[in-house]
PDB file of N, CA and C in Angstrom:
ATOM      1  N   MET A   1       0.843  -1.566   0.271  1.00  0.00           N
ATOM      2  CA  MET A   1      -0.050  -0.242   0.093  1.00  0.00           C
ATOM      3  C   MET A   1       0.807   1.285   0.033  1.00  0.00           C
ATOM      4  N   ALA A   2       0.672   1.734  -0.754  1.00  0.00           N
ATOM      5  CA  ALA A   2       1.174   3.598  -0.771  1.00  0.00           C
ATOM      6  C   ALA A   2       1.192   4.204   0.006  1.00  0.00           C
ATOM      7  N   ALA A   3       2.281   5.170   0.571  1.00  0.00           N
ATOM      8  CA  ALA A   3       1.696   5.748   1.659  1.00  0.00           C
ATOM      9  C   ALA A   3       1.278   7.164   1.531  1.00  0.00           C
ATOM     10  N   GLU A   4       0.319   7.565   2.520  1.00  0.00           N
ATOM     11  CA  GLU A   4       0.030   9.057   1.614  1.00  0.00           C
ATOM     12  C   GLU A   4       0.674  10.022   1.679  1.00  0.00           C
ATOM     13  N   ARG A   5       0.846  10.826   0.953  1.00  0.00           N
ATOM     14  CA  ARG A   5       1.667  12.190   1.537  1.00  0.00           C
ATOM     15  C   ARG A   5       1.145  13.100   2.649  1.00  0.00           C
ATOM     16  N   SER A   6       1.890  13.051   3.248  1.00  0.00           N
ATOM     17  CA  SER A   6       2.109  14.370   4.499  1.00  0.00           C
ATOM     18  C   SER A   6       1.611  15.564   3.828  1.00  0.00           C
ATOM     19  N   PRO A   7       0.476  16.336   4.597  1.00  0.00           N
ATOM     20  CA  PRO A   7       0.110  18.159   4.297  1.00  0.00           C
ATOM     21  C   PRO A   7       0.835  18.639   4.437  1.00  0.00           C
ATOM     22  N   ILE A   8       1.928  18.574   5.331  1.00  0.00           N
ATOM     23  CA  ILE A   8       2.814  19.248   5.388  1.00  0.00           C
ATOM     24  C   ILE A   8       3.845  19.124   4.317  1.00  0.00           C
ATOM     25  N   LEU A   9       4.303  18.454   4.000  1.00  0.00           N
ATOM     26  CA  LEU A   9       5.231  17.893   2.693  1.00  0.00           C
ATOM     27  C   LEU A   9       4.417  18.240   1.246  1.00  0.00           C
ATOM     28  N   SER A  10       2.628  17.983   0.758  1.00  0.00           N
ATOM     29  CA  SER A  10       2.345  19.403  -0.284  1.00  0.00           C
ATOM     30  C   SER A  10       2.202  20.706   0.246  1.00  0.00           C
ATOM     31  N   GLU A  11       1.772  21.170   1.610  1.00  0.00           N
ATOM     32  CA  GLU A  11       2.079  22.513   2.046  1.00  0.00           C
ATOM     33  C   GLU A  11       3.136  22.956   1.686  1.00  0.00           C
ATOM     34  N   VAL A  12       4.314  22.311   1.749  1.00  0.00           N
ATOM     35  CA  VAL A  12       6.030  22.394   1.587  1.00  0.00           C
ATOM     36  C   VAL A  12       5.776  22.826   0.123  1.00  0.00           C
ATOM     37  N   ARG A  13       5.772  21.867  -0.557  1.00  0.00           N
ATOM     38  CA  ARG A  13       5.840  21.691  -1.728  1.00  0.00           C
ATOM     39  C   ARG A  13       5.393  22.819  -2.688  1.00  0.00           C
ATOM     40  N   ALA A  14       4.121  23.340  -2.749  1.00  0.00           N
ATOM     41  CA  ALA A  14       3.502  24.183  -2.483  1.00  0.00           C
ATOM     42  C   ALA A  14       3.965  25.468  -2.640  1.00  0.00           C
ATOM     43  N   THR A  15       4.168  25.645  -1.331  1.00  0.00           N
ATOM     44  CA  THR A  15       5.055  27.123  -1.012  1.00  0.00           C
ATOM     45  C   THR A  15       6.197  26.831  -1.843  1.00  0.00           C
ATOM     46  N   LEU A  16       7.709  26.185  -2.390  1.00  0.00           N
ATOM     47  CA  LEU A  16       8.584  26.479  -3.154  1.00  0.00           C
ATOM     48  C   LEU A  16       8.384  26.295  -4.075  1.00  0.00           C
ATOM     49  N   GLY A  17       7.472  26.220  -5.103  1.00  0.00           N
ATOM     50  CA  GLY A  17       6.701  26.160  -5.926  1.00  0.00           C
ATOM     51  C   GLY A  17       6.470  27.697  -6.761  1.00  0.00           C
ATOM     52  N   ILE A  18       5.894  28.743  -5.518  1.00  0.00           N
ATOM     53  CA  ILE A  18       6.073  29.777  -5.104  1.00  0.00           C
ATOM     54  C   ILE A  18       7.166  30.684  -5.283  1.00  0.00           C
ATOM     55  N   ALA A  19       7.786  30.424  -4.077  1.00  0.00           N
ATOM     56  CA  ALA A  19       9.200  31.135  -3.456  1.00  0.00           C
ATOM     57  C   ALA A  19       9.989  31.040  -4.764  1.00  0.00           C
ATOM     58  N   ALA A  20       9.984  29.467  -5.441  1.00  0.00           N
ATOM     59  CA  ALA A  20      11.362  29.694  -6.444  1.00  0.00           C
ATOM     60  C   ALA A  20      11.496  30.812  -6.997  1.00  0.00           C
ATOM     61  N   PRO A  21      10.444  30.826  -8.041  1.00  0.00           N
ATOM     62  CA  PRO A  21      10.759  31.925  -9.739  1.00  0.00           C
ATOM     63  C   PRO A  21      10.291  33.175  -8.432  1.00  0.00           C
ATOM     64  N   LEU A  22      10.203  33.634  -7.311  1.00  0.00           N
ATOM     65  CA  LEU A  22      10.354  35.252  -6.781  1.00  0.00           C
ATOM     66  C   LEU A  22      11.342  35.165  -6.104  1.00  0.00           C
ATOM     67  N   ALA A  23      13.119  34.207  -5.802  1.00  0.00           N
ATOM     68  CA  ALA A  23      13.624  34.008  -5.360  1.00  0.00           C
ATOM     69  C   ALA A  23      15.152  34.233  -6.506  1.00  0.00           C
ATOM     70  N   ALA A  24      14.804  33.529  -7.760  1.00  0.00           N
ATOM     71  CA  ALA A  24      15.488  33.317  -8.897  1.00  0.00           C
ATOM     72  C   ALA A  24      14.992  35.106  -9.215  1.00  0.00           C
ATOM     73  N   ALA A  25      14.107  36.251  -9.424  1.00  0.00           N
ATOM     74  CA  ALA A  25      13.870  36.817  -9.704  1.00  0.00           C
ATOM     75  C   ALA A  25      15.022  37.396  -8.772  1.00  0.00           C
ATOM     76  N   ASN A  26      14.635  37.845  -7.598  1.00  0.00           N
ATOM     77  CA  ASN A  26      15.758  38.648  -7.030  1.00  0.00           C
ATOM     78  C   ASN A  26      17.280  38.249  -6.678  1.00  0.00           C
ATOM     79  N   LEU A  27      17.376  36.903  -7.848  1.00  0.00           N
ATOM     80  CA  LEU A  27      18.833  37.056  -7.280  1.00  0.00           C
ATOM     81  C   LEU A  27      19.505  37.157  -8.732  1.00  0.00           C
ATOM     82  N   ALA A  28      18.462  37.547  -9.557  1.00  0.00           N
ATOM     83  CA  ALA A  28      19.295  38.299 -10.914  1.00  0.00           C
ATOM     84  C   ALA A  28      18.650  39.442 -10.783  1.00  0.00           C
ATOM     85  N   GLN A  29      18.232  40.700 -10.384  1.00  0.00           N
ATOM     86  CA  GLN A  29      18.388  41.726  -9.790  1.00  0.00           C
ATOM     87  C   GLN A  29      19.653  41.759  -9.032  1.00  0.00           C
ATOM     88  N   MET A  30      19.753  41.190  -8.283  1.00  0.00           N
ATOM     89  CA  MET A  30      21.553  41.643  -7.533  1.00  0.00           C
ATOM     90  C   MET A  30      22.215  41.034  -8.346  1.00  0.00           C
ATOM     91  N   ALA A  31      22.455  40.371  -9.673  1.00  0.00           N
ATOM     92  CA  ALA A  31      23.648  39.804 -10.289  1.00  0.00           C
ATOM     93  C   ALA A  31      23.757  41.739 -11.036  1.00  0.00           C
ATOM     94  N   MET A  32      22.037  42.362 -11.651  1.00  0.00           N
ATOM     95  CA  MET A  32      22.612  43.124 -12.443  1.00  0.00           C
ATOM     96  C   MET A  32      23.316  44.313 -11.747  1.00  0.00           C
ATOM     97  N   GLY A  33      22.588  44.413 -10.131  1.00  0.00           N
ATOM     98  CA  GLY A  33      23.287  45.364  -9.920  1.00  0.00           C
ATOM     99  C   GLY A  33      24.401  45.570  -9.600  1.00  0.00           C
ATOM    100  N   ILE A  34      25.165  44.865  -9.059  1.00  0.00           N
ATOM    101  CA  ILE A  34      26.668  43.738  -8.908  1.00  0.00           C
ATOM    102  C   ILE A  34      27.297  44.676 -10.797  1.00  0.00           C
ATOM    103  N   THR A  35      26.463  43.692 -11.640  1.00  0.00           N
ATOM    104  CA  THR A  35      27.180  44.103 -12.473  1.00  0.00           C
ATOM    105  C   THR A  35      26.992  45.692 -13.400  1.00  0.00           C
ATOM    106  N   ASN A  36      25.975  46.148 -12.854  1.00  0.00           N
ATOM    107  CA  ASN A  36      26.246  47.654 -13.199  1.00  0.00           C
ATOM    108  C   ASN A  36      27.079  48.332 -12.234  1.00  0.00           C
ATOM    109  N   THR A  37      27.523  47.955 -10.704  1.00  0.00           N
ATOM    110  CA  THR A  37      28.528  48.421 -10.253  1.00  0.00           C
ATOM    111  C   THR A  37      29.440  48.219 -10.705  1.00  0.00           C
ATOM    112  N   ILE A  38      30.034  47.105 -11.259  1.00  0.00           N
ATOM    113  CA  ILE A  38      31.586  47.087 -11.895  1.00  0.00           C
ATOM    114  C   ILE A  38      31.965  48.086 -13.167  1.00  0.00           C
ATOM    115  N   MET A  39      30.591  48.205 -13.986  1.00  0.00           N
ATOM    116  CA  MET A  39      30.834  48.691 -15.245  1.00  0.00           C
ATOM    117  C   MET A  39      30.537  50.225 -15.123  1.00  0.00           C
ATOM    118  N   VAL A  40      30.232  50.263 -13.818  1.00  0.00           N
ATOM    119  CA  VAL A  40      30.557  52.060 -14.357  1.00  0.00           C
ATOM    120  C   VAL A  40      31.401  52.044 -13.098  1.00  0.00           C
ATOM    121  N   GLY A  41      32.180  51.660 -11.961  1.00  0.00           N
ATOM    122  CA  GLY A  41      32.772  51.433 -11.143  1.00  0.00           C
ATOM    123  C   GLY A  41      34.284  51.637 -11.988  1.00  0.00           C
ATOM    124  N   GLU A  42      34.721  50.938 -13.544  1.00  0.00           N
ATOM    125  CA  GLU A  42      35.576  50.751 -14.906  1.00  0.00           C
ATOM    126  C   GLU A  42      35.689  53.204 -14.953  1.00  0.00           C
ATOM    127  N   LEU A  43      34.403  53.306 -14.508  1.00  0.00           N
ATOM    128  CA  LEU A  43      34.845  55.122 -15.284  1.00  0.00           C
ATOM    129  C   LEU A  43      35.611  55.520 -13.444  1.00  0.00           C
ATOM    130  N   GLY A  44      35.503  55.699 -12.797  1.00  0.00           N
ATOM    131  CA  GLY A  44      35.803  55.923 -11.569  1.00  0.00           C
ATOM    132  C   GLY A  44      35.645  56.212 -10.661  1.00  0.00           C
ATOM    133  N   ALA A  45      35.770  57.306  -9.299  1.00  0.00           N
ATOM    134  CA  ALA A  45      35.120  56.762  -8.459  1.00  0.00           C
ATOM    135  C   ALA A  45      33.591  57.635  -8.433  1.00  0.00           C
ATOM    136  N   ALA A  46      33.773  58.916  -9.758  1.00  0.00           N
ATOM    137  CA  ALA A  46      32.946  60.418  -9.263  1.00  0.00           C
ATOM    138  C   ALA A  46      31.974  59.677 -10.280  1.00  0.00           C
ATOM    139  N   PRO A  47      31.655  59.067 -11.347  1.00  0.00           N
ATOM    140  CA  PRO A  47      30.393  57.977 -11.793  1.00  0.00           C
ATOM    141  C   PRO A  47      29.977  57.514 -11.181  1.00  0.00           C
ATOM    142  N   LEU A  48      30.601  56.474 -10.117  1.00  0.00           N
ATOM    143  CA  LEU A  48      29.830  55.579  -9.200  1.00  0.00           C
ATOM    144  C   LEU A  48      29.472  56.169  -7.916  1.00  0.00           C
ATOM    145  N   ALA A  49      29.785  57.421  -7.631  1.00  0.00           N
ATOM    146  CA  ALA A  49      28.561  58.148  -7.055  1.00  0.00           C
ATOM    147  C   ALA A  49      27.218  58.046  -7.377  1.00  0.00           C
ATOM    148  N   ALA A  50      27.206  58.778  -8.943  1.00  0.00           N
ATOM    149  CA  ALA A  50      26.604  59.490  -9.327  1.00  0.00           C
ATOM    150  C   ALA A  50      25.249  58.474  -9.625  1.00  0.00           C
ATOM    151  N   ALA A  51      25.889  57.034  -9.890  1.00  0.00           N
ATOM    152  CA  ALA A  51      24.865  55.784 -10.270  1.00  0.00           C
ATOM    153  C   ALA A  51      24.794  55.042  -8.989  1.00  0.00           C
ATOM    154  N   GLY A  52      25.220  55.121  -7.591  1.00  0.00           N
ATOM    155  CA  GLY A  52      25.249  55.345  -6.420  1.00  0.00           C
ATOM    156  C   GLY A  52      23.874  55.884  -6.190  1.00  0.00           C
ATOM    157  N   LEU A  53      24.433  57.318  -6.260  1.00  0.00           N
ATOM    158  CA  LEU A  53      22.440  58.216  -5.735  1.00  0.00           C
ATOM    159  C   LEU A  53      21.404  58.004  -7.132  1.00  0.00           C
ATOM    160  N   GLY A  54      21.388  57.758  -7.622  1.00  0.00           N
ATOM    161  CA  GLY A  54      20.796  58.118  -8.722  1.00  0.00           C
ATOM    162  C   GLY A  54      19.403  56.253  -8.242  1.00  0.00           C
ATOM    163  N   GLY A  55      20.135  55.145  -8.182  1.00  0.00           N
ATOM    164  CA  GLY A  55      19.638  54.543  -7.617  1.00  0.00           C
ATOM    165  C   GLY A  55      19.071  54.446  -6.519  1.00  0.00           C
ATOM    166  N   MET A  56      19.992  55.087  -5.447  1.00  0.00           N
ATOM    167  CA  MET A  56      19.136  54.986  -4.352  1.00  0.00           C
ATOM    168  C   MET A  56      17.533  55.962  -4.487  1.00  0.00           C
ATOM    169  N   LEU A  57      17.819  57.244  -4.972  1.00  0.00           N
ATOM    170  CA  LEU A  57      16.705  57.985  -4.974  1.00  0.00           C
ATOM    171  C   LEU A  57      15.395  57.329  -5.744  1.00  0.00           C
ATOM    172  N   PHE A  58      16.133  55.819  -6.883  1.00  0.00           N
ATOM    173  CA  PHE A  58      14.900  55.576  -7.746  1.00  0.00           C
ATOM    174  C   PHE A  58      14.134  55.098  -6.910  1.00  0.00           C
ATOM    175  N   TYR A  59      15.102  53.904  -5.858  1.00  0.00           N
ATOM    176  CA  TYR A  59      14.493  53.033  -5.217  1.00  0.00           C
ATOM    177  C   TYR A  59      13.643  53.481  -4.064  1.00  0.00           C
ATOM    178  N   MET A  60      13.816  54.591  -3.537  1.00  0.00           N
ATOM    179  CA  MET A  60      13.205  56.135  -2.706  1.00  0.00           C
ATOM    180  C   MET A  60      12.088  56.023  -3.183  1.00  0.00           C
ATOM    181  N   MET A  61      11.591  56.404  -4.367  1.00  0.00           N
ATOM    182  CA  MET A  61      10.578  56.926  -5.201  1.00  0.00           C
ATOM    183  C   MET A  61       9.508  55.590  -5.568  1.00  0.00           C
ATOM    184  N   ALA A  62      10.292  54.938  -5.651  1.00  0.00           N
ATOM    185  CA  ALA A  62       9.452  53.880  -6.471  1.00  0.00           C
ATOM    186  C   ALA A  62       8.681  53.448  -5.081  1.00  0.00           C
ATOM    187  N   MET A  63       9.650  53.029  -3.657  1.00  0.00           N
ATOM    188  CA  MET A  63       9.000  52.282  -2.139  1.00  0.00           C
ATOM    189  C   MET A  63       8.164  53.999  -2.054  1.00  0.00           C
ATOM    190  N   LEU A  64       7.765  54.560  -2.408  1.00  0.00           N
ATOM    191  CA  LEU A  64       6.382  55.825  -1.840  1.00  0.00           C
ATOM    192  C   LEU A  64       5.857  55.361  -3.004  1.00  0.00           C
ATOM    193  N   CYS A  65       5.837  55.662  -3.980  1.00  0.00           N
ATOM    194  CA  CYS A  65       4.674  55.052  -4.790  1.00  0.00           C
ATOM    195  C   CYS A  65       4.242  53.629  -4.976  1.00  0.00           C
ATOM    196  N   GLN A  66       4.752  52.852  -4.609  1.00  0.00           N
ATOM    197  CA  GLN A  66       4.092  51.538  -3.659  1.00  0.00           C
ATOM    198  C   GLN A  66       3.236  51.705  -2.373  1.00  0.00           C
ATOM    199  N   GLY A  67       3.973  52.176  -1.506  1.00  0.00           N
ATOM    200  CA  GLY A  67       3.311  53.009   0.025  1.00  0.00           C
ATOM    201  C   GLY A  67       1.927  53.644  -0.706  1.00  0.00           C
ATOM    202  N   VAL A  68       1.956  54.578  -1.523  1.00  0.00           N
ATOM    203  CA  VAL A  68       1.270  55.414  -1.862  1.00  0.00           C
ATOM    204  C   VAL A  68      -0.446  54.705  -2.809  1.00  0.00           C
ATOM    205  N   LEU A  69       0.418  53.613  -4.069  1.00  0.00           N
ATOM    206  CA  LEU A  69      -0.287  52.560  -4.475  1.00  0.00           C
ATOM    207  C   LEU A  69      -1.619  52.125  -3.660  1.00  0.00           C
ATOM    208  N   SER A  70      -0.507  51.021  -2.570  1.00  0.00           N
ATOM    209  CA  SER A  70      -0.995  50.333  -1.784  1.00  0.00           C
ATOM    210  C   SER A  70      -2.025  51.310  -1.215  1.00  0.00           C
ATOM    211  N   ALA A  71      -2.067  52.141  -0.546  1.00  0.00           N
ATOM    212  CA  ALA A  71      -2.857  52.919   0.311  1.00  0.00           C
ATOM    213  C   ALA A  71      -4.192  53.183  -0.642  1.00  0.00           C
ATOM    214  N   VAL A  72      -3.743  53.796  -1.914  1.00  0.00           N
ATOM    215  CA  VAL A  72      -5.473  53.499  -2.439  1.00  0.00           C
ATOM    216  C   VAL A  72      -6.229  52.882  -3.251  1.00  0.00           C
ATOM    217  N   CYS A  73      -5.632  51.488  -2.945  1.00  0.00           N
ATOM    218  CA  CYS A  73      -6.495  50.003  -3.627  1.00  0.00           C
ATOM    219  C   CYS A  73      -6.886  49.454  -1.872  1.00  0.00           C
ATOM    220  N   HIS A  74      -6.183  50.103  -1.336  1.00  0.00           N
ATOM    221  CA  HIS A  74      -7.153  49.098   0.637  1.00  0.00           C
ATOM    222  C   HIS A  74      -8.044  49.655  -0.292  1.00  0.00           C
ATOM    223  N   TRP A  75      -7.967  51.417   0.252  1.00  0.00           N
ATOM    224  CA  TRP A  75      -9.073  52.732   0.526  1.00  0.00           C
ATOM    225  C   TRP A  75     -10.228  52.371  -0.869  1.00  0.00           C
ATOM    226  N   GLN A  76      -9.349  52.017  -1.758  1.00  0.00           N
ATOM    227  CA  GLN A  76     -11.054  51.531  -3.183  1.00  0.00           C
ATOM    228  C   GLN A  76     -11.752  50.465  -2.269  1.00  0.00           C
ATOM    229  N   HIS A  77     -10.751  49.451  -1.875  1.00  0.00           N
ATOM    230  CA  HIS A  77     -11.068  48.414  -1.769  1.00  0.00           C
ATOM    231  C   HIS A  77     -12.743  48.121  -0.706  1.00  0.00           C
ATOM    232  N   THR A  78     -12.342  49.029   0.672  1.00  0.00           N
ATOM    233  CA  THR A  78     -12.883  49.241   1.329  1.00  0.00           C
ATOM    234  C   THR A  78     -14.541  49.883   0.673  1.00  0.00           C
ATOM    235  N   ARG A  79     -14.161  50.700   0.214  1.00  0.00           N
ATOM    236  CA  ARG A  79     -15.033  51.968  -0.298  1.00  0.00           C
ATOM    237  C   ARG A  79     -16.677  50.358  -1.185  1.00  0.00           C
ATOM    238  N   SER A  80     -15.712  49.646  -2.325  1.00  0.00           N
ATOM    239  CA  SER A  80     -16.782  49.092  -3.347  1.00  0.00           C
ATOM    240  C   SER A  80     -16.998  47.711  -2.674  1.00  0.00           C
ATOM    241  N   ALA A  81     -16.894  47.074  -0.912  1.00  0.00           N
ATOM    242  CA  ALA A  81     -17.170  46.145  -0.440  1.00  0.00           C
ATOM    243  C   ALA A  81     -18.751  45.982   0.142  1.00  0.00           C
ATOM    244  N   PRO A  82     -19.325  44.733  -0.065  1.00  0.00           N
ATOM    245  CA  PRO A  82     -20.556  44.312   0.081  1.00  0.00           C
ATOM    246  C   PRO A  82     -20.657  45.168   1.973  1.00  0.00           C
ATOM    247  N   THR A  83     -21.719  46.087   1.872  1.00  0.00           N
ATOM    248  CA  THR A  83     -22.253  46.671   3.348  1.00  0.00           C
ATOM    249  C   THR A  83     -21.052  45.571   4.554  1.00  0.00           C
ATOM    250  N   THR A  84     -21.748  44.049   4.472  1.00  0.00           N
ATOM    251  CA  THR A  84     -21.586  42.876   5.226  1.00  0.00           C
ATOM    252  C   THR A  84     -19.790  42.357   5.364  1.00  0.00           C
ATOM    253  N   THR A  85     -19.205  42.922   4.104  1.00  0.00           N
ATOM    254  CA  THR A  85     -17.822  42.492   5.008  1.00  0.00           C
ATOM    255  C   THR A  85     -17.346  43.772   5.252  1.00  0.00           C
ATOM    256  N   ARG A  86     -17.331  44.908   5.439  1.00  0.00           N
ATOM    257  CA  ARG A  86     -16.762  45.924   5.803  1.00  0.00           C
ATOM    258  C   ARG A  86     -16.502  45.851   7.583  1.00  0.00           C
ATOM    259  N   PRO A  87     -15.277  46.468   7.753  1.00  0.00           N
ATOM    260  CA  PRO A  87     -14.785  46.902   8.926  1.00  0.00           C
ATOM    261  C   PRO A  87     -16.189  47.357   9.629  1.00  0.00           C
ATOM    262  N   PRO A  88     -16.521  47.316  11.695  1.00  0.00           N
ATOM    263  CA  PRO A  88     -16.237  47.929  11.931  1.00  0.00           C
ATOM    264  C   PRO A  88     -15.908  49.657  11.892  1.00  0.00           C
ATOM    265  N   GLY A  89     -16.727  50.719  11.802  1.00  0.00           N
ATOM    266  CA  GLY A  89     -16.581  52.043  11.762  1.00  0.00           C
ATOM    267  C   GLY A  89     -16.831  52.719  10.679  1.00  0.00           C
ATOM    268  N   VAL A  90     -16.375  51.440   9.000  1.00  0.00           N
ATOM    269  CA  VAL A  90     -16.228  52.175   7.793  1.00  0.00           C
ATOM    270  C   VAL A  90     -18.324  52.622   7.512  1.00  0.00           C
ATOM    271  N   SER A  91     -17.950  53.594   7.220  1.00  0.00           N
ATOM    272  CA  SER A  91     -19.768  53.727   6.499  1.00  0.00           C
ATOM    273  C   SER A  91     -19.447  53.381   4.835  1.00  0.00           C
ATOM    274  N   PRO A  92     -20.731  52.631   4.390  1.00  0.00           N
ATOM    275  CA  PRO A  92     -20.685  53.068   2.945  1.00  0.00           C
ATOM    276  C   PRO A  92     -20.371  54.014   1.692  1.00  0.00           C
ATOM    277  N   PRO A  93     -20.355  54.191   1.090  1.00  0.00           N
ATOM    278  CA  PRO A  93     -19.774  55.177   0.346  1.00  0.00           C
ATOM    279  C   PRO A  93     -21.360  55.500  -0.208  1.00  0.00           C
ATOM    280  N   PRO A  94     -21.572  57.100  -0.540  1.00  0.00           N
ATOM    281  CA  PRO A  94     -22.634  58.258  -0.455  1.00  0.00           C
ATOM    282  C   PRO A  94     -23.179  57.956  -1.744  1.00  0.00           C
ATOM    283  N   GLY A  95     -24.742  57.721  -1.468  1.00  0.00           N
ATOM    284  CA  GLY A  95     -25.043  57.181  -2.969  1.00  0.00           C
ATOM    285  C   GLY A  95     -25.802  56.003  -2.707  1.00  0.00           C
TER     286      GLY A  95
END
């Protein structure tokens, strides 16, 4: 008789199926950053500093936009949700 699969093992496999592509994408992005640093580093200290500053500013703006978008999505979801699923204290939209 074949042994039944453990529910924990099937959950781990499903989680790894989702996590593996995300981990690969993260590693690829880090490799691009290292490649960028190596290539710009050949130009000198000032271009390397400028590239680092530009990357930091880009990351800061991207995180700011992601935070605003997350808040807007949550706000829109609570406005369009049926009244039975609204959290306490959230009134339905007018109209």
